PDB file of N, CA and C in Angstrom:
ATOM      1  N   MET A   1     232.127-175.053  12.674  1.00  0.00           N
ATOM      2  CA  MET A   1     232.506-176.304  12.362  1.00  0.00           C
ATOM      3  C   MET A   1     233.616-175.990  11.140  1.00  0.00           C
ATOM      4  N   CYS A   2     234.653-176.590  11.145  1.00  0.00           N
ATOM      5  CA  CYS A   2     235.606-176.352  10.032  1.00  0.00           C
ATOM      6  C   CYS A   2     235.274-177.146   8.780  1.00  0.00           C
ATOM      7  N   GLY A   3     235.140-176.425   7.701  1.00  0.00           N
ATOM      8  CA  GLY A   3     234.675-177.061   6.391  1.00  0.00           C
ATOM      9  C   GLY A   3     235.748-177.996   5.875  1.00  0.00           C
ATOM     10  N   ALA A   4     235.265-178.881   5.195  1.00  0.00           N
ATOM     11  CA  ALA A   4     236.279-179.830   4.615  1.00  0.00           C
ATOM     12  C   ALA A   4     236.431-179.679   3.036  1.00  0.00           C
ATOM     13  N   GLY A   5     236.253-178.448   2.751  1.00  0.00           N
ATOM     14  CA  GLY A   5     236.223-178.170   1.233  1.00  0.00           C
ATOM     15  C   GLY A   5     234.931-178.317   0.628  1.00  0.00           C
ATOM     16  N   ASN A   6     233.816-178.616   1.157  1.00  0.00           N
ATOM     17  CA  ASN A   6     232.418-178.705   0.550  1.00  0.00           C
ATOM     18  C   ASN A   6     232.035-177.409   0.221  1.00  0.00           C
ATOM     19  N   VAL A   7     231.506-177.158  -0.861  1.00  0.00           N
ATOM     20  CA  VAL A   7     230.869-176.003  -1.356  1.00  0.00           C
ATOM     21  C   VAL A   7     229.746-175.555  -0.287  1.00  0.00           C
ATOM     22  N   GLY A   8     229.864-174.273  -0.040  1.00  0.00           N
ATOM     23  CA  GLY A   8     228.927-173.726   1.035  1.00  0.00           C
ATOM     24  C   GLY A   8     229.281-173.775   2.380  1.00  0.00           C
ATOM     25  N   GLU A   9     230.440-174.585   2.715  1.00  0.00           N
ATOM     26  CA  GLU A   9     230.841-174.765   4.067  1.00  0.00           C
ATOM     27  C   GLU A   9     231.916-173.766   4.334  1.00  0.00           C
ATOM     28  N   PRO A  10     231.800-172.959   5.544  1.00  0.00           N
ATOM     29  CA  PRO A  10     233.099-172.140   5.856  1.00  0.00           C
ATOM     30  C   PRO A  10     234.337-172.960   5.936  1.00  0.00           C
ATOM     31  N   HIS A  11     235.395-172.392   5.502  1.00  0.00           N
ATOM     32  CA  HIS A  11     236.781-173.009   5.846  1.00  0.00           C
ATOM     33  C   HIS A  11     237.614-171.911   6.591  1.00  0.00           C
ATOM     34  N   TYR A  12     238.087-172.416   7.744  1.00  0.00           N
ATOM     35  CA  TYR A  12     238.742-171.635   8.740  1.00  0.00           C
ATOM     36  C   TYR A  12     240.203-172.034   8.711  1.00  0.00           C
ATOM     37  N   THR A  13     241.128-171.092   8.905  1.00  0.00           N
ATOM     38  CA  THR A  13     242.440-171.307   8.827  1.00  0.00           C
ATOM     39  C   THR A  13     242.903-171.078  10.462  1.00  0.00           C
ATOM     40  N   LEU A  14     244.092-171.607  10.871  1.00  0.00           N
ATOM     41  CA  LEU A  14     244.650-171.563  12.196  1.00  0.00           C
ATOM     42  C   LEU A  14     244.536-169.941  12.438  1.00  0.00           C
ATOM     43  N   ALA A  15     245.003-169.038  11.638  1.00  0.00           N
ATOM     44  CA  ALA A  15     244.997-167.785  11.948  1.00  0.00           C
ATOM     45  C   ALA A  15     243.644-167.053  12.372  1.00  0.00           C
ATOM     46  N   ASP A  16     242.503-167.637  11.507  1.00  0.00           N
ATOM     47  CA  ASP A  16     241.257-167.241  11.969  1.00  0.00           C
ATOM     48  C   ASP A  16     240.829-167.692  13.370  1.00  0.00           C
ATOM     49  N   VAL A  17     241.309-168.862  13.763  1.00  0.00           N
ATOM     50  CA  VAL A  17     240.918-169.315  15.007  1.00  0.00           C
ATOM     51  C   VAL A  17     241.612-168.687  16.139  1.00  0.00           C
ATOM     52  N   ALA A  18     242.877-168.428  15.934  1.00  0.00           N
ATOM     53  CA  ALA A  18     243.814-167.955  16.979  1.00  0.00           C
ATOM     54  C   ALA A  18     243.765-166.356  16.872  1.00  0.00           C
ATOM     55  N   THR A  19     242.581-165.718  16.817  1.00  0.00           N
ATOM     56  CA  THR A  19     242.586-164.408  16.915  1.00  0.00           C
ATOM     57  C   THR A  19     242.381-163.869  18.353  1.00  0.00           C
ATOM     58  N   GLU A  20     241.869-164.438  19.378  1.00  0.00           N
ATOM     59  CA  GLU A  20     241.729-164.132  20.648  1.00  0.00           C
ATOM     60  C   GLU A  20     243.084-164.286  21.298  1.00  0.00           C
ATOM     61  N   ARG A  21     243.456-163.289  22.341  1.00  0.00           N
ATOM     62  CA  ARG A  21     244.623-163.364  23.027  1.00  0.00           C
ATOM     63  C   ARG A  21     244.398-163.879  24.407  1.00  0.00           C
ATOM     64  N   ASP A  22     245.310-164.507  25.091  1.00  0.00           N
ATOM     65  CA  ASP A  22     245.024-164.836  26.530  1.00  0.00           C
ATOM     66  C   ASP A  22     243.801-165.682  26.800  1.00  0.00           C
ATOM     67  N   ASP A  23     243.825-166.699  25.937  1.00  0.00           N
ATOM     68  CA  ASP A  23     242.444-167.500  26.168  1.00  0.00           C
ATOM     69  C   ASP A  23     242.868-169.077  26.354  1.00  0.00           C
ATOM     70  N   ILE A  24     244.009-169.303  26.477  1.00  0.00           N
ATOM     71  CA  ILE A  24     244.500-170.779  26.604  1.00  0.00           C
ATOM     72  C   ILE A  24     244.805-171.003  28.028  1.00  0.00           C
ATOM     73  N   THR A  25     244.312-172.195  28.524  1.00  0.00           N
ATOM     74  CA  THR A  25     244.649-172.793  29.806  1.00  0.00           C
ATOM     75  C   THR A  25     245.450-174.075  29.579  1.00  0.00           C
ATOM     76  N   LEU A  26     246.666-174.073  30.151  1.00  0.00           N
ATOM     77  CA  LEU A  26     247.247-175.437  30.211  1.00  0.00           C
ATOM     78  C   LEU A  26     247.022-176.106  31.581  1.00  0.00           C
ATOM     79  N   VAL A  27     246.531-177.337  31.393  1.00  0.00           N
ATOM     80  CA  VAL A  27     246.368-178.141  32.716  1.00  0.00           C
ATOM     81  C   VAL A  27     247.492-179.175  32.640  1.00  0.00           C
ATOM     82  N   VAL A  28     248.178-179.256  33.692  1.00  0.00           N
ATOM     83  CA  VAL A  28     249.329-180.188  33.805  1.00  0.00           C
ATOM     84  C   VAL A  28     249.076-181.141  35.113  1.00  0.00           C
ATOM     85  N   PRO A  29     248.641-182.265  34.841  1.00  0.00           N
ATOM     86  CA  PRO A  29     248.533-183.152  35.937  1.00  0.00           C
ATOM     87  C   PRO A  29     249.988-183.652  36.244  1.00  0.00           C
ATOM     88  N   THR A  30     250.217-184.032  37.604  1.00  0.00           N
ATOM     89  CA  THR A  30     251.663-184.333  37.858  1.00  0.00           C
ATOM     90  C   THR A  30     251.558-185.053  39.274  1.00  0.00           C
ATOM     91  N   TYR A  31     252.499-185.983  39.273  1.00  0.00           N
ATOM     92  CA  TYR A  31     252.826-186.835  40.600  1.00  0.00           C
ATOM     93  C   TYR A  31     254.389-187.277  40.554  1.00  0.00           C
ATOM     94  N   ASN A  32     254.894-186.693  41.494  1.00  0.00           N
ATOM     95  CA  ASN A  32     256.431-186.841  41.506  1.00  0.00           C
ATOM     96  C   ASN A  32     257.292-186.504  40.361  1.00  0.00           C
ATOM     97  N   ARG A  33     256.955-185.328  39.637  1.00  0.00           N
ATOM     98  CA  ARG A  33     257.742-184.912  38.364  1.00  0.00           C
ATOM     99  C   ARG A  33     258.372-183.670  38.578  1.00  0.00           C
ATOM    100  N   ALA A  34     259.014-183.412  39.621  1.00  0.00           N
ATOM    101  CA  ALA A  34     259.648-182.172  40.104  1.00  0.00           C
ATOM    102  C   ALA A  34     260.505-181.875  38.992  1.00  0.00           C
ATOM    103  N   ALA A  35     261.441-182.662  38.597  1.00  0.00           N
ATOM    104  CA  ALA A  35     262.564-182.470  37.646  1.00  0.00           C
ATOM    105  C   ALA A  35     261.719-182.027  36.151  1.00  0.00           C
ATOM    106  N   ALA A  36     260.686-182.715  35.698  1.00  0.00           N
ATOM    107  CA  ALA A  36     260.139-182.387  34.554  1.00  0.00           C
ATOM    108  C   ALA A  36     259.311-181.023  34.658  1.00  0.00           C
ATOM    109  N   LEU A  37     258.768-180.696  35.781  1.00  0.00           N
ATOM    110  CA  LEU A  37     258.196-179.253  35.943  1.00  0.00           C
ATOM    111  C   LEU A  37     259.217-178.305  35.891  1.00  0.00           C
ATOM    112  N   GLN A  38     260.506-178.367  36.453  1.00  0.00           N
ATOM    113  CA  GLN A  38     261.525-177.626  36.540  1.00  0.00           C
ATOM    114  C   GLN A  38     261.808-177.224  35.067  1.00  0.00           C
ATOM    115  N   THR A  39     261.899-178.313  34.235  1.00  0.00           N
ATOM    116  CA  THR A  39     262.422-178.154  32.880  1.00  0.00           C
ATOM    117  C   THR A  39     261.396-177.494  31.938  1.00  0.00           C
ATOM    118  N   ASN A  40     260.229-177.914  32.230  1.00  0.00           N
ATOM    119  CA  ASN A  40     259.042-177.397  31.178  1.00  0.00           C
ATOM    120  C   ASN A  40     258.153-176.194  31.534  1.00  0.00           C
ATOM    121  N   LEU A  41     257.969-175.979  32.839  1.00  0.00           N
ATOM    122  CA  LEU A  41     257.214-174.847  33.226  1.00  0.00           C
ATOM    123  C   LEU A  41     257.776-173.389  32.651  1.00  0.00           C
ATOM    124  N   PRO A  42     259.070-173.267  32.569  1.00  0.00           N
ATOM    125  CA  PRO A  42     259.297-172.158  31.851  1.00  0.00           C
ATOM    126  C   PRO A  42     259.011-171.911  30.563  1.00  0.00           C
ATOM    127  N   SER A  43     258.932-172.892  29.692  1.00  0.00           N
ATOM    128  CA  SER A  43     258.548-172.956  28.233  1.00  0.00           C
ATOM    129  C   SER A  43     257.085-172.736  28.248  1.00  0.00           C
ATOM    130  N   MET A  44     256.318-173.206  29.226  1.00  0.00           N
ATOM    131  CA  MET A  44     254.765-173.113  29.047  1.00  0.00           C
ATOM    132  C   MET A  44     254.503-171.667  29.345  1.00  0.00           C
ATOM    133  N   LEU A  45     255.166-171.094  30.361  1.00  0.00           N
ATOM    134  CA  LEU A  45     254.911-169.711  30.872  1.00  0.00           C
ATOM    135  C   LEU A  45     255.356-168.842  29.929  1.00  0.00           C
ATOM    136  N   ALA A  46     256.348-168.979  28.940  1.00  0.00           N
ATOM    137  CA  ALA A  46     256.684-168.229  27.870  1.00  0.00           C
ATOM    138  C   ALA A  46     255.878-168.216  26.666  1.00  0.00           C
ATOM    139  N   MET A  47     254.956-169.209  26.580  1.00  0.00           N
ATOM    140  CA  MET A  47     254.157-169.352  25.294  1.00  0.00           C
ATOM    141  C   MET A  47     253.252-168.111  25.115  1.00  0.00           C
ATOM    142  N   ARG A  48     252.961-167.788  23.948  1.00  0.00           N
ATOM    143  CA  ARG A  48     252.199-166.614  23.701  1.00  0.00           C
ATOM    144  C   ARG A  48     250.633-167.011  23.975  1.00  0.00           C
ATOM    145  N   ASP A  49     250.014-166.100  24.434  1.00  0.00           N
ATOM    146  CA  ASP A  49     248.442-166.412  24.501  1.00  0.00           C
ATOM    147  C   ASP A  49     248.034-167.359  25.703  1.00  0.00           C
ATOM    148  N   ILE A  50     248.898-167.620  26.565  1.00  0.00           N
ATOM    149  CA  ILE A  50     248.478-168.572  27.652  1.00  0.00           C
ATOM    150  C   ILE A  50     248.014-167.717  28.905  1.00  0.00           C
ATOM    151  N   ALA A  51     246.811-167.929  29.112  1.00  0.00           N
ATOM    152  CA  ALA A  51     246.101-167.204  30.233  1.00  0.00           C
ATOM    153  C   ALA A  51     246.461-167.847  31.543  1.00  0.00           C
ATOM    154  N   GLU A  52     246.623-169.069  31.621  1.00  0.00           N
ATOM    155  CA  GLU A  52     247.142-169.624  32.988  1.00  0.00           C
ATOM    156  C   GLU A  52     247.570-170.975  32.710  1.00  0.00           C
ATOM    157  N   VAL A  53     248.540-171.510  33.605  1.00  0.00           N
ATOM    158  CA  VAL A  53     248.987-172.846  33.629  1.00  0.00           C
ATOM    159  C   VAL A  53     248.544-173.312  35.012  1.00  0.00           C
ATOM    160  N   VAL A  54     247.754-174.343  35.027  1.00  0.00           N
ATOM    161  CA  VAL A  54     247.170-175.067  36.238  1.00  0.00           C
ATOM    162  C   VAL A  54     248.048-176.403  36.327  1.00  0.00           C
ATOM    163  N   VAL A  55     248.790-176.469  37.503  1.00  0.00           N
ATOM    164  CA  VAL A  55     249.425-177.856  37.846  1.00  0.00           C
ATOM    165  C   VAL A  55     248.553-178.462  38.754  1.00  0.00           C
ATOM    166  N   VAL A  56     248.213-179.484  38.563  1.00  0.00           N
ATOM    167  CA  VAL A  56     247.355-180.437  39.490  1.00  0.00           C
ATOM    168  C   VAL A  56     248.323-181.508  40.027  1.00  0.00           C
ATOM    169  N   ASP A  57     248.667-181.271  41.283  1.00  0.00           N
ATOM    170  CA  ASP A  57     249.450-182.156  41.985  1.00  0.00           C
ATOM    171  C   ASP A  57     248.768-183.202  42.715  1.00  0.00           C
ATOM    172  N   ASP A  58     248.962-184.430  42.438  1.00  0.00           N
ATOM    173  CA  ASP A  58     248.171-185.522  43.043  1.00  0.00           C
ATOM    174  C   ASP A  58     248.924-186.236  44.291  1.00  0.00           C
ATOM    175  N   GLY A  59     249.350-185.325  45.132  1.00  0.00           N
ATOM    176  CA  GLY A  59     249.943-185.782  46.444  1.00  0.00           C
ATOM    177  C   GLY A  59     251.421-185.994  46.285  1.00  0.00           C
ATOM    178  N   SER A  60     252.187-185.310  45.465  1.00  0.00           N
ATOM    179  CA  SER A  60     253.542-185.741  45.160  1.00  0.00           C
ATOM    180  C   SER A  60     254.220-185.666  46.619  1.00  0.00           C
ATOM    181  N   THR A  61     255.421-186.577  46.613  1.00  0.00           N
ATOM    182  CA  THR A  61     256.182-186.731  47.812  1.00  0.00           C
ATOM    183  C   THR A  61     257.675-186.067  47.552  1.00  0.00           C
ATOM    184  N   ASP A  62     257.914-185.719  46.385  1.00  0.00           N
ATOM    185  CA  ASP A  62     259.240-185.183  45.896  1.00  0.00           C
ATOM    186  C   ASP A  62     259.108-183.610  46.098  1.00  0.00           C
ATOM    187  N   ASP A  63     259.926-183.039  45.332  1.00  0.00           N
ATOM    188  CA  ASP A  63     260.029-181.507  45.310  1.00  0.00           C
ATOM    189  C   ASP A  63     259.021-180.819  44.538  1.00  0.00           C
ATOM    190  N   THR A  64     258.050-181.327  44.122  1.00  0.00           N
ATOM    191  CA  THR A  64     257.167-180.812  43.163  1.00  0.00           C
ATOM    192  C   THR A  64     256.603-179.416  43.733  1.00  0.00           C
ATOM    193  N   ARG A  65     256.271-179.402  45.004  1.00  0.00           N
ATOM    194  CA  ARG A  65     255.780-178.029  45.505  1.00  0.00           C
ATOM    195  C   ARG A  65     256.887-177.043  45.469  1.00  0.00           C
ATOM    196  N   ARG A  66     258.011-177.476  45.979  1.00  0.00           N
ATOM    197  CA  ARG A  66     259.122-176.408  46.009  1.00  0.00           C
ATOM    198  C   ARG A  66     259.413-175.832  44.651  1.00  0.00           C
ATOM    199  N   VAL A  67     259.358-176.799  43.679  1.00  0.00           N
ATOM    200  CA  VAL A  67     259.690-176.225  42.230  1.00  0.00           C
ATOM    201  C   VAL A  67     258.587-175.189  41.834  1.00  0.00           C
ATOM    202  N   CYS A  68     257.390-175.654  42.055  1.00  0.00           N
ATOM    203  CA  CYS A  68     256.157-174.668  41.587  1.00  0.00           C
ATOM    204  C   CYS A  68     256.282-173.207  42.343  1.00  0.00           C
ATOM    205  N   GLU A  69     256.774-173.396  43.710  1.00  0.00           N
ATOM    206  CA  GLU A  69     256.894-172.091  44.408  1.00  0.00           C
ATOM    207  C   GLU A  69     257.941-171.181  43.905  1.00  0.00           C
ATOM    208  N   GLN A  70     259.091-171.673  43.127  1.00  0.00           N
ATOM    209  CA  GLN A  70     259.978-170.975  42.632  1.00  0.00           C
ATOM    210  C   GLN A  70     259.668-170.027  41.563  1.00  0.00           C
ATOM    211  N   PHE A  71     258.400-170.229  41.014  1.00  0.00           N
ATOM    212  CA  PHE A  71     258.007-169.515  39.700  1.00  0.00           C
ATOM    213  C   PHE A  71     257.052-168.327  40.355  1.00  0.00           C
ATOM    214  N   VAL A  72     257.491-167.151  39.985  1.00  0.00           N
ATOM    215  CA  VAL A  72     256.781-165.867  40.447  1.00  0.00           C
ATOM    216  C   VAL A  72     255.988-165.577  39.126  1.00  0.00           C
ATOM    217  N   ASP A  73     254.919-166.104  38.965  1.00  0.00           N
ATOM    218  CA  ASP A  73     253.931-165.737  37.826  1.00  0.00           C
ATOM    219  C   ASP A  73     252.544-165.963  38.230  1.00  0.00           C
ATOM    220  N   GLU A  74     251.853-164.776  38.073  1.00  0.00           N
ATOM    221  CA  GLU A  74     250.307-164.824  38.439  1.00  0.00           C
ATOM    222  C   GLU A  74     249.505-165.738  37.687  1.00  0.00           C
ATOM    223  N   ARG A  75     249.986-166.156  36.658  1.00  0.00           N
ATOM    224  CA  ARG A  75     249.371-167.093  35.706  1.00  0.00           C
ATOM    225  C   ARG A  75     249.549-168.485  36.168  1.00  0.00           C
ATOM    226  N   LEU A  76     250.494-168.831  36.958  1.00  0.00           N
ATOM    227  CA  LEU A  76     250.627-170.253  37.506  1.00  0.00           C
ATOM    228  C   LEU A  76     249.841-170.509  38.743  1.00  0.00           C
ATOM    229  N   LYS A  77     249.016-171.676  38.670  1.00  0.00           N
ATOM    230  CA  LYS A  77     248.075-171.990  39.575  1.00  0.00           C
ATOM    231  C   LYS A  77     248.490-173.370  39.978  1.00  0.00           C
ATOM    232  N   VAL A  78     248.453-173.614  41.321  1.00  0.00           N
ATOM    233  CA  VAL A  78     248.794-174.947  41.682  1.00  0.00           C
ATOM    234  C   VAL A  78     247.500-175.515  42.647  1.00  0.00           C
ATOM    235  N   VAL A  79     246.960-176.699  42.243  1.00  0.00           N
ATOM    236  CA  VAL A  79     246.064-177.416  42.933  1.00  0.00           C
ATOM    237  C   VAL A  79     246.642-178.544  43.451  1.00  0.00           C
ATOM    238  N   ARG A  80     246.667-178.702  44.860  1.00  0.00           N
ATOM    239  CA  ARG A  80     247.503-179.837  45.426  1.00  0.00           C
ATOM    240  C   ARG A  80     246.412-180.888  46.144  1.00  0.00           C
ATOM    241  N   HIS A  81     246.425-181.947  45.719  1.00  0.00           N
ATOM    242  CA  HIS A  81     245.685-183.169  46.328  1.00  0.00           C
ATOM    243  C   HIS A  81     246.502-183.735  47.527  1.00  0.00           C
ATOM    244  N   GLU A  82     246.200-183.656  48.680  1.00  0.00           N
ATOM    245  CA  GLU A  82     247.009-184.387  49.672  1.00  0.00           C
ATOM    246  C   GLU A  82     246.867-185.892  49.566  1.00  0.00           C
ATOM    247  N   ALA A  83     248.012-186.664  49.807  1.00  0.00           N
ATOM    248  CA  ALA A  83     248.060-188.160  49.680  1.00  0.00           C
ATOM    249  C   ALA A  83     247.300-188.686  50.989  1.00  0.00           C
TER     250      ALA A  83
END
C-alpha cells in the first residue's frame, strides 16, 4: 500500500511500481467503433510495457473485424461475441 507520508509507512514512486516490463494488458470493449480502433490501436501497440491488447467486440456490424485483422502483432487478441 502506498504511504501517505505517515511515519513508518513505505512511500512508493511511479518508478518503483513500474519496474516490471511487459506486464500490462489493455482491454478495449467495442461495438461498431472501427474508425476509433483504426486510429487508436497503433498507439496502444506502440506503448512501452504492453504485454497484450485485448479487443472485446460485442457483435459489431461495421468493419471492426477487418480493422483488427489489419494489425499483425502477436500481442493483439480479439474476442468476438456474435450478435
